[in-house]
Amino acid sequence: MVGLILGGLLLALLGANLYLQSEGVQSRIRQAASDSLGAEVKTGGGSFSPWGGLVIRTLSVSNPDRPEQNLLSADFLRLRFAVFPLLRGRLVIRKVVLGSPVFTVQQNQRGDLMAVVPPAPRQEIPVTVPGRTPDAQEKTFKVTIERVQIEKGSIVFVDAGGRKILRSENVSVEAVVHDDRTSEGAFSIREMEIFGALKPRRMKGVFTWDGRVLKASLRSGVLAEGAMEGLFQLTTGDPASFILSLSLQQARLQKLAEDAGVRSEGMSGTLEGHIGLAGDPLHGNKLTGNATVTTRSAEFVPVDFLVQFGQMFGVDELQRLNLSEGLAELRIADERVLIEILRLQSENLILTGTGRVGFDGRLDVDAALLVNKKLQSRLRALMGRNFRAAEDPNYKQLDFKVFGAVSRPKTDLLEKLTGIKIDGNLGGLLQQFFRKPTRRTGDDAEP
């Protein structure tokens, strides 16, 4: 009797395996996945076992603009489901596990973003099974999903030039799917990198999905040893939109600089800020937003042209800023960051600026250097006609421009001080001025 029972179970498992690997069922599963993701899904072969469920070895969604690239790829898709409902045209999935998926958001040359964005769900999915006559086609194939899990996922944002703007690694998601196809769950992201400079870590939160709107709340996260919190909302369909709000408390300036790969020696102090963004997730040129950043007890080395100016004229505070106040208020619109307020104040001087920085990395800033009476006495020889009275009677100010590329800013500060027109690349001039003399040998050496 036991042998008959075991034999029957083995035959049932063999039959289930053959059935699940048939073209008809595989087509239904691909259709269900395509319907859930809103794009055509390609899958590899599959196998079934009672302990592992149905495992599909590969899954991918190609980029319509670049078919050789994928918007989504995964090592495997595991489905744990009830077997007998399949015979009645129902796929009751107890749990879906997507293994090591890579979600790619690709910006095309038009500036539009290509991504896998799920449409509003449908309860029943029409299926066309190859090789069957229209009369023999099954009109609908009802899919019920109870739980979804993403293991060791990645998210990558690539701009039109092929540069990785954002990268997230070790993304995990656990979600419960309700009968009306809405869902809720929790997520975690172990590490992220933004523009190769900002590196948030250990992010955790919760989310809800109602079939059209995804809402996520970042409960905790770490950036430069500071605490992060935030909210994100994505509305799919037409029109699509998103809203992002993030706050940061007590981030260490030195750690921010180290993460960005810039000079961090002797840097100290903390930074706090808030950023809000909104726009169309498929059209980057519609991005709008604002940001506010403040510093506390900040001490750091400023940009090169200010350091070199300080060296040239003996202004120690320009070689190393020790700020009593640091404030930046920014607005994002029309594919540029608008600097509405920039104010850095130390004991004897103030630096201010307004202007814009384009998404293409070009900047155009109207800046001012304000010096108090103590510093004026040290710079008496330079206090010519270009310095004018400031609103604060204790200061005089010199207006100047900062322009060029963010990676290599230029300025007319030295020209304004000396009255001599000099190539705007102040760094190149002063590097020659301050470089160490070359030691000559042989016949060229001095006697």
Protein backbone atom coordinates (compact mmCIF):
# COMPACT_ATOMS: atom_id res chain seq x y z
CA MET A 1 0.00 0.00 0.00
CA VAL A 2 2.78 2.41 0.92
CA GLY A 3 4.49 1.61 -2.38
CA LEU A 4 1.31 2.37 -4.29
CA ILE A 5 0.92 5.68 -2.49
CA LEU A 6 4.53 6.67 -3.16
CA GLY A 7 4.22 5.57 -6.76
CA GLY A 8 1.07 7.63 -7.14
CA LEU A 9 2.78 10.67 -5.65
CA LEU A 10 5.75 10.26 -7.96
CA LEU A 11 3.48 9.96 -10.98
CA ALA A 12 1.57 13.05 -9.83
CA LEU A 13 4.81 15.02 -9.43
CA LEU A 14 6.06 13.83 -12.80
CA GLY A 15 2.78 14.81 -14.39
CA ALA A 16 2.86 18.22 -12.69
CA ASN A 17 6.44 18.76 -13.85
CA LEU A 18 5.59 17.87 -17.45
CA TYR A 19 2.45 20.00 -17.31
CA LEU A 20 4.25 23.03 -15.89
CA GLN A 21 6.97 22.80 -18.53
CA SER A 22 4.47 22.55 -21.38
CA GLU A 23 4.37 25.41 -23.89
CA GLY A 24 0.83 26.28 -22.89
CA VAL A 25 1.54 26.79 -19.19
CA GLN A 26 4.89 28.49 -19.88
CA SER A 27 3.06 30.87 -22.20
CA ARG A 28 0.53 31.60 -19.49
CA ILE A 29 3.26 32.34 -16.96
CA ARG A 30 5.07 34.64 -19.38
CA GLN A 31 1.79 36.39 -20.09
CA ALA A 32 1.09 36.80 -16.39
CA ALA A 33 4.56 38.26 -15.82
CA SER A 34 4.21 40.55 -18.85
CA ASP A 35 0.84 41.77 -17.62
CA SER A 36 2.21 42.44 -14.13
CA LEU A 37 5.23 44.38 -15.44
CA GLY A 38 3.57 46.13 -18.36
CA ALA A 39 6.17 44.91 -20.87
CA GLU A 40 7.05 41.79 -22.84
CA VAL A 41 8.95 39.31 -20.70
CA LYS A 42 11.42 36.73 -21.95
CA THR A 43 12.06 33.65 -19.82
CA GLY A 44 14.36 30.67 -19.88
CA GLY A 45 13.51 27.06 -19.13
CA GLY A 46 11.82 25.98 -15.93
CA SER A 47 11.63 23.03 -13.57
CA PHE A 48 9.31 22.01 -10.78
CA SER A 49 9.90 20.35 -7.44
CA PRO A 50 7.58 20.03 -4.44
CA TRP A 51 10.10 21.72 -2.14
CA GLY A 52 11.29 24.48 -4.48
CA GLY A 53 8.18 25.16 -6.53
CA LEU A 54 8.48 26.23 -10.14
CA VAL A 55 11.85 27.82 -10.91
CA ILE A 56 12.32 29.76 -14.14
CA ARG A 57 16.05 30.12 -14.69
CA THR A 58 16.19 33.55 -16.35
CA LEU A 59 13.86 36.48 -16.87
CA SER A 60 14.42 39.68 -18.85
CA VAL A 61 12.67 42.71 -20.31
CA SER A 62 14.53 44.45 -23.13
CA ASN A 63 14.80 48.20 -23.75
CA PRO A 64 12.59 49.13 -26.75
CA ASP A 65 15.10 51.81 -27.82
CA ARG A 66 18.11 49.49 -27.40
CA PRO A 67 17.00 45.85 -27.71
CA GLU A 68 20.50 44.64 -26.85
CA GLN A 69 20.09 46.14 -23.35
CA ASN A 70 17.68 45.04 -20.63
CA LEU A 71 15.48 47.21 -18.45
CA LEU A 72 15.06 44.22 -16.15
CA SER A 73 17.01 41.00 -15.79
CA ALA A 74 16.93 38.37 -13.06
CA ASP A 75 18.82 35.16 -12.37
CA PHE A 76 15.67 33.27 -11.53
CA LEU A 77 11.97 33.54 -10.80
CA ARG A 78 10.62 31.10 -8.22
CA LEU A 79 6.89 30.48 -7.90
CA ARG A 80 5.45 28.56 -4.99
CA PHE A 81 1.82 27.77 -5.77
CA ALA A 82 -1.10 25.42 -5.29
CA VAL A 83 -1.05 22.71 -7.99
CA PHE A 84 -4.69 21.65 -8.29
CA PRO A 85 -6.15 25.11 -9.14
CA LEU A 86 -4.02 24.98 -12.33
CA LEU A 87 -6.36 22.30 -13.67
CA ARG A 88 -9.23 24.76 -13.33
CA GLY A 89 -7.42 27.56 -15.15
CA ARG A 90 -6.30 29.35 -11.97
CA LEU A 91 -2.73 30.05 -10.91
CA VAL A 92 -2.72 30.61 -7.14
CA ILE A 93 0.81 31.76 -6.32
CA ARG A 94 1.62 31.53 -2.63
CA LYS A 95 4.93 33.34 -3.05
CA VAL A 96 6.93 34.89 -5.88
CA VAL A 97 10.70 35.21 -5.39
CA LEU A 98 12.71 37.28 -7.87
CA GLY A 99 16.38 36.44 -7.51
CA SER A 100 19.18 38.97 -8.06
CA PRO A 101 17.15 41.27 -10.32
CA VAL A 102 18.72 44.33 -11.94
CA PHE A 103 16.24 47.14 -12.63
CA THR A 104 17.68 49.69 -15.08
CA VAL A 105 16.27 53.16 -15.73
CA GLN A 106 17.76 54.34 -19.04
CA GLN A 107 17.57 57.89 -20.35
CA ASN A 108 17.39 58.05 -24.15
CA GLN A 109 18.70 60.79 -26.44
CA ARG A 110 15.34 62.60 -26.28
CA GLY A 111 15.71 62.93 -22.52
CA ASP A 112 12.89 60.45 -21.82
CA LEU A 113 13.36 57.71 -19.24
CA MET A 114 12.83 54.08 -20.20
CA ALA A 115 11.86 51.86 -17.27
CA VAL A 116 9.65 48.95 -16.28
CA VAL A 117 6.61 50.65 -14.72
CA PRO A 118 3.75 48.28 -13.82
CA PRO A 119 0.31 49.28 -15.13
CA ALA A 120 -2.88 49.13 -13.10
CA PRO A 121 -3.48 45.42 -12.47
CA ARG A 122 -6.25 43.31 -13.98
CA GLN A 123 -7.81 40.35 -12.25
CA GLU A 124 -7.96 38.15 -15.36
CA ILE A 125 -5.32 37.88 -18.04
CA PRO A 126 -6.18 36.91 -21.63
CA VAL A 127 -3.86 34.19 -22.94
CA THR A 128 -3.10 32.93 -26.43
CA VAL A 129 -1.63 29.44 -26.40
CA PRO A 130 0.41 28.56 -29.53
CA GLY A 131 -0.88 25.64 -31.59
CA ARG A 132 -4.51 25.87 -30.53
CA THR A 133 -7.48 26.83 -32.67
CA PRO A 134 -9.47 29.92 -31.62
CA ASP A 135 -12.29 27.68 -30.33
CA ALA A 136 -9.85 25.79 -28.15
CA GLN A 137 -8.22 28.88 -26.68
CA GLU A 138 -8.77 29.51 -22.99
CA LYS A 139 -10.33 32.92 -22.80
CA THR A 140 -8.96 33.93 -19.44
CA PHE A 141 -6.34 32.76 -17.01
CA LYS A 142 -6.88 34.03 -13.50
CA VAL A 143 -3.76 34.73 -11.50
CA THR A 144 -3.72 35.23 -7.74
CA ILE A 145 -0.48 36.31 -6.05
CA GLU A 146 -0.29 36.26 -2.25
CA ARG A 147 3.31 37.26 -1.44
CA VAL A 148 6.24 38.78 -3.35
CA GLN A 149 9.91 38.78 -2.39
CA ILE A 150 12.93 40.38 -4.08
CA GLU A 151 16.34 39.04 -3.09
CA LYS A 152 19.65 40.86 -3.59
CA GLY A 153 18.30 43.27 -6.18
CA SER A 154 20.00 46.22 -7.87
CA ILE A 155 18.68 49.48 -9.29
CA VAL A 156 20.71 51.48 -11.82
CA PHE A 157 19.92 54.85 -13.41
CA VAL A 158 21.88 55.54 -16.61
CA ASP A 159 21.80 58.90 -18.41
CA ALA A 160 21.82 59.47 -22.17
CA GLY A 161 25.63 59.53 -22.18
CA GLY A 162 25.88 56.10 -20.56
CA ARG A 163 26.93 57.43 -17.14
CA LYS A 164 25.57 55.75 -14.02
CA ILE A 165 23.81 58.50 -12.08
CA LEU A 166 22.40 56.25 -9.36
CA ARG A 167 23.22 52.74 -8.25
CA SER A 168 21.58 50.73 -5.46
CA GLU A 169 22.84 47.34 -4.31
CA ASN A 170 21.43 44.60 -2.09
CA VAL A 171 17.84 45.74 -2.44
CA SER A 172 15.35 43.47 -0.63
CA VAL A 173 11.56 43.62 -0.69
CA GLU A 174 8.91 41.62 1.19
CA ALA A 175 5.28 42.29 0.25
CA VAL A 176 1.79 40.92 0.89
CA VAL A 177 -0.64 41.07 -2.04
CA HIS A 178 -4.34 41.42 -1.22
CA ASP A 179 -7.31 40.03 -3.14
CA ASP A 180 -7.84 43.38 -4.92
CA ARG A 181 -4.20 43.25 -6.09
CA THR A 182 -3.12 46.07 -3.78
CA SER A 183 -0.04 45.34 -1.69
CA GLU A 184 2.01 46.50 1.24
CA GLY A 185 5.35 45.55 2.65
CA ALA A 186 8.85 46.50 3.72
CA PHE A 187 12.09 47.21 1.89
CA SER A 188 15.77 47.59 2.67
CA ILE A 189 18.70 48.93 0.65
CA ARG A 190 22.14 48.15 1.98
CA GLU A 191 24.03 50.69 -0.12
CA MET A 192 23.44 53.36 -2.74
CA GLU A 193 25.64 55.70 -4.76
CA ILE A 194 24.38 58.94 -6.31
CA PHE A 195 26.50 60.77 -8.91
CA GLY A 196 29.45 58.76 -7.62
CA ALA A 197 29.58 61.08 -4.59
CA LEU A 198 26.67 60.62 -2.17
CA LYS A 199 26.64 57.18 -0.58
CA PRO A 200 23.60 56.44 1.61
CA ARG A 201 23.68 53.20 3.56
CA ARG A 202 21.41 50.89 5.56
CA MET A 203 18.07 52.27 4.38
CA LYS A 204 14.86 50.66 5.63
CA GLY A 205 11.22 51.52 5.19
CA VAL A 206 7.69 50.46 4.33
CA PHE A 207 5.50 50.92 1.26
CA THR A 208 1.99 50.52 -0.16
CA TRP A 209 0.82 49.96 -3.76
CA ASP A 210 -2.81 50.41 -4.85
CA GLY A 211 -2.39 49.40 -8.48
CA ARG A 212 -1.49 52.91 -9.63
CA VAL A 213 0.22 54.77 -6.79
CA LEU A 214 3.33 53.58 -4.94
CA LYS A 215 3.97 55.25 -1.59
CA ALA A 216 7.20 54.55 0.30
CA SER A 217 8.33 55.85 3.66
CA LEU A 218 12.04 55.77 4.52
CA ARG A 219 12.04 55.12 8.25
CA SER A 220 15.81 55.11 8.69
CA GLY A 221 19.01 55.49 6.72
CA VAL A 222 22.58 56.70 7.08
CA LEU A 223 24.47 59.26 4.99
CA ALA A 224 27.95 60.31 6.11
CA GLU A 225 27.08 59.04 9.60
CA GLY A 226 24.03 61.32 9.67
CA ALA A 227 20.39 60.19 9.97
CA MET A 228 18.11 60.12 6.91
CA GLU A 229 14.33 60.03 6.65
CA GLY A 230 12.06 60.54 3.69
CA LEU A 231 8.91 59.97 1.65
CA PHE A 232 8.49 58.89 -1.98
CA GLN A 233 5.35 58.68 -4.09
CA LEU A 234 5.15 57.38 -7.66
CA THR A 235 1.96 57.64 -9.71
CA THR A 236 1.96 55.44 -12.80
CA GLY A 237 -0.24 55.66 -15.86
CA ASP A 238 -0.89 58.76 -17.94
CA PRO A 239 0.18 61.19 -16.70
CA ALA A 240 2.88 59.67 -14.52
CA SER A 241 4.45 61.67 -11.69
CA PHE A 242 6.61 61.36 -8.61
CA ILE A 243 7.27 63.25 -5.39
CA LEU A 244 10.38 62.85 -3.21
CA SER A 245 11.12 64.41 0.16
CA LEU A 246 14.33 63.71 2.12
CA SER A 247 15.80 65.15 5.29
CA LEU A 248 19.30 64.73 6.71
CA GLN A 249 20.53 65.42 10.23
CA GLN A 250 24.06 65.60 11.66
CA ALA A 251 25.98 64.39 8.60
CA ARG A 252 29.75 64.73 9.02
CA LEU A 253 31.36 67.01 6.44
CA GLN A 254 34.60 65.04 6.45
CA LYS A 255 32.76 61.80 5.69
CA LEU A 256 30.78 63.49 2.89
CA ALA A 257 34.06 64.67 1.35
CA GLU A 258 35.67 61.24 1.67
CA ASP A 259 32.69 59.58 -0.01
CA ALA A 260 32.85 62.10 -2.84
CA GLY A 261 36.59 61.54 -3.29
CA VAL A 262 37.54 65.17 -2.63
CA ARG A 263 40.03 66.71 -0.22
CA SER A 264 38.93 66.04 3.36
CA GLU A 265 42.04 66.67 5.48
CA GLY A 266 41.27 68.86 8.47
CA MET A 267 37.59 69.14 7.57
CA SER A 268 35.15 69.18 10.48
CA GLY A 269 31.60 70.11 11.34
CA THR A 270 28.19 68.76 10.43
CA LEU A 271 25.60 69.39 7.77
CA GLU A 272 21.81 69.30 7.86
CA GLY A 273 19.40 69.68 4.99
CA HIS A 274 16.15 68.94 3.25
CA ILE A 275 15.36 68.33 -0.40
CA GLY A 276 12.02 68.06 -2.19
CA LEU A 277 11.70 66.93 -5.81
CA ALA A 278 8.73 66.41 -8.13
CA GLY A 279 8.26 65.63 -11.79
CA ASP A 280 7.50 63.09 -14.47
CA PRO A 281 9.50 59.87 -13.94
CA LEU A 282 9.74 59.36 -17.71
CA HIS A 283 10.81 62.92 -18.63
CA GLY A 284 13.82 64.23 -16.71
CA ASN A 285 13.47 67.73 -18.17
CA LYS A 286 10.31 68.25 -16.10
CA LEU A 287 12.09 67.90 -12.77
CA THR A 288 11.33 70.62 -10.21
CA GLY A 289 12.19 71.01 -6.56
CA ASN A 290 13.97 72.87 -3.79
CA ALA A 291 16.65 72.23 -1.21
CA THR A 292 18.00 73.88 1.92
CA VAL A 293 21.40 73.08 3.43
CA THR A 294 22.93 74.46 6.63
CA THR A 295 26.23 73.78 8.37
CA ARG A 296 27.19 73.79 12.03
CA SER A 297 30.71 74.52 13.30
CA ALA A 298 32.06 73.86 9.84
CA GLU A 299 35.75 74.12 9.01
CA PHE A 300 37.11 73.18 5.59
CA VAL A 301 39.38 74.15 2.70
CA PRO A 302 37.36 76.01 0.01
CA VAL A 303 37.59 75.72 -3.77
CA ASP A 304 41.04 76.12 -5.28
CA PHE A 305 40.68 79.64 -6.65
CA LEU A 306 39.79 81.01 -3.20
CA VAL A 307 42.68 79.12 -1.58
CA GLN A 308 45.11 80.47 -4.18
CA PHE A 309 43.78 84.00 -3.77
CA GLY A 310 44.24 83.69 0.00
CA GLN A 311 47.83 82.47 -0.47
CA MET A 312 48.62 85.28 -2.90
CA PHE A 313 47.35 88.07 -0.63
CA GLY A 314 47.94 86.57 2.79
CA VAL A 315 44.28 86.05 3.74
CA ASP A 316 44.34 83.01 6.01
CA GLU A 317 40.56 82.76 6.23
CA LEU A 318 40.30 82.13 2.48
CA GLN A 319 42.80 79.30 2.74
CA ARG A 320 40.74 77.64 5.45
CA LEU A 321 37.14 78.64 6.10
CA ASN A 322 35.95 78.42 9.70
CA LEU A 323 32.27 79.16 9.36
CA SER A 324 30.03 80.67 11.98
CA GLU A 325 27.21 80.44 9.43
CA GLY A 326 26.66 78.38 6.30
CA LEU A 327 23.42 78.43 4.32
CA ALA A 328 22.37 77.43 0.81
CA GLU A 329 18.83 77.62 -0.59
CA LEU A 330 18.38 76.05 -4.01
CA ARG A 331 15.52 75.69 -6.48
CA ILE A 332 15.39 73.18 -9.34
CA ALA A 333 13.57 74.07 -12.56
CA ASP A 334 14.13 74.20 -16.34
CA GLU A 335 16.97 71.66 -16.24
CA ARG A 336 19.08 73.72 -13.88
CA VAL A 337 19.73 74.29 -10.19
CA LEU A 338 19.05 77.89 -9.25
CA ILE A 339 21.12 79.21 -6.33
CA GLU A 340 18.76 81.60 -4.58
CA ILE A 341 20.83 82.08 -1.42
CA LEU A 342 24.44 81.08 -0.74
CA ARG A 343 26.04 82.57 2.35
CA LEU A 344 29.26 81.47 4.05
CA GLN A 345 30.35 83.65 6.98
CA SER A 346 33.48 83.47 9.07
CA GLU A 347 34.91 85.86 11.64
CA ASN A 348 36.13 88.51 9.19
CA LEU A 349 34.58 87.80 5.82
CA ILE A 350 31.40 86.70 4.06
CA LEU A 351 30.99 84.94 0.72
CA THR A 352 27.62 85.18 -1.01
CA GLY A 353 26.31 83.99 -4.35
CA THR A 354 23.28 83.65 -6.57
CA GLY A 355 23.03 82.08 -10.00
CA ARG A 356 22.48 78.78 -11.73
CA VAL A 357 24.10 75.43 -12.39
CA GLY A 358 22.83 73.58 -15.46
CA PHE A 359 22.22 69.85 -15.61
CA ASP A 360 25.02 69.88 -18.21
CA GLY A 361 27.50 70.90 -15.49
CA ARG A 362 27.89 74.55 -16.58
CA LEU A 363 27.63 77.26 -13.96
CA ASP A 364 27.01 81.00 -13.96
CA VAL A 365 27.12 82.57 -10.49
CA ASP A 366 27.14 86.18 -9.36
CA ALA A 367 29.26 86.15 -6.22
CA ALA A 368 30.47 88.71 -3.70
CA LEU A 369 33.35 88.84 -1.22
CA LEU A 370 32.59 90.96 1.86
CA VAL A 371 35.41 91.93 4.22
CA ASN A 372 35.08 93.63 7.59
CA LYS A 373 37.15 96.55 8.86
CA LYS A 374 39.82 94.31 10.38
CA LEU A 375 40.44 92.58 7.06
CA GLN A 376 40.16 95.85 5.12
CA SER A 377 43.19 97.20 6.96
CA ARG A 378 45.22 94.14 5.88
CA LEU A 379 44.10 94.52 2.25
CA ARG A 380 44.38 98.31 2.10
CA ALA A 381 46.49 98.18 -1.06
CA LEU A 382 43.74 96.24 -2.85
CA MET A 383 40.76 98.23 -1.59
CA GLY A 384 40.35 100.10 -4.87
CA ARG A 385 37.36 101.31 -6.78
CA ASN A 386 35.91 97.80 -7.26
CA PHE A 387 35.10 97.47 -3.57
CA ARG A 388 31.85 99.17 -2.67
CA ALA A 389 29.91 99.78 0.49
CA ALA A 390 27.85 96.79 1.64
CA GLU A 391 24.44 96.91 3.30
CA ASP A 392 26.18 96.22 6.60
CA PRO A 393 28.29 99.32 7.34
CA ASN A 394 30.99 97.14 8.89
CA TYR A 395 31.75 95.54 5.53
CA LYS A 396 32.84 96.43 2.03
CA GLN A 397 32.16 94.07 -0.83
CA LEU A 398 33.69 93.07 -4.14
CA ASP A 399 31.39 91.60 -6.78
CA PHE A 400 32.78 88.92 -9.09
CA LYS A 401 31.67 86.09 -11.37
CA VAL A 402 32.16 82.33 -11.19
CA PHE A 403 31.56 80.48 -14.46
CA GLY A 404 32.63 77.52 -16.60
CA ALA A 405 32.33 73.85 -15.64
CA VAL A 406 31.52 72.69 -12.12
CA SER A 407 34.55 70.39 -12.26
CA ARG A 408 36.85 73.32 -13.14
CA PRO A 409 35.30 76.68 -12.21
CA LYS A 410 36.69 79.96 -13.48
CA THR A 411 36.45 83.45 -11.99
CA ASP A 412 37.22 87.10 -12.66
CA LEU A 413 38.03 87.74 -8.99
CA LEU A 414 41.71 88.50 -9.58
CA GLU A 415 40.89 90.82 -12.46
CA LYS A 416 38.47 92.74 -10.25
CA LEU A 417 41.11 93.06 -7.54
CA THR A 418 44.06 94.10 -9.72
CA GLY A 419 42.33 95.78 -12.65
CA ILE A 420 44.38 93.55 -15.00
CA LYS A 421 42.52 91.25 -17.37
CA ILE A 422 43.75 87.69 -16.84
CA ASP A 423 42.64 84.36 -18.22
CA GLY A 424 39.64 83.31 -16.13
CA ASN A 425 41.25 80.02 -15.21
CA LEU A 426 42.79 81.36 -12.04
CA GLY A 427 43.99 77.92 -11.04
CA GLY A 428 46.32 77.60 -14.04
CA LEU A 429 47.94 80.99 -13.46
CA LEU A 430 48.55 80.52 -9.77
CA GLN A 431 49.73 76.95 -10.14
CA GLN A 432 52.59 78.35 -12.21
CA PHE A 433 53.15 81.11 -9.66
CA PHE A 434 53.32 78.75 -6.69
CA ARG A 435 54.94 75.70 -8.25
CA LYS A 436 58.21 74.46 -6.80
CA PRO A 437 61.34 75.29 -8.85
CA THR A 438 62.67 72.47 -10.99
CA ARG A 439 66.12 71.26 -10.02
CA ARG A 440 68.44 71.36 -13.09
CA THR A 441 71.29 68.95 -13.59
CA GLY A 442 74.24 68.47 -15.95
CA ASP A 443 75.14 71.23 -18.41
CA ASP A 444 71.97 73.17 -17.58
CA ALA A 445 72.81 73.44 -13.89
CA GLU A 446 73.81 76.79 -12.45
CA PRO A 447 77.47 77.10 -11.41
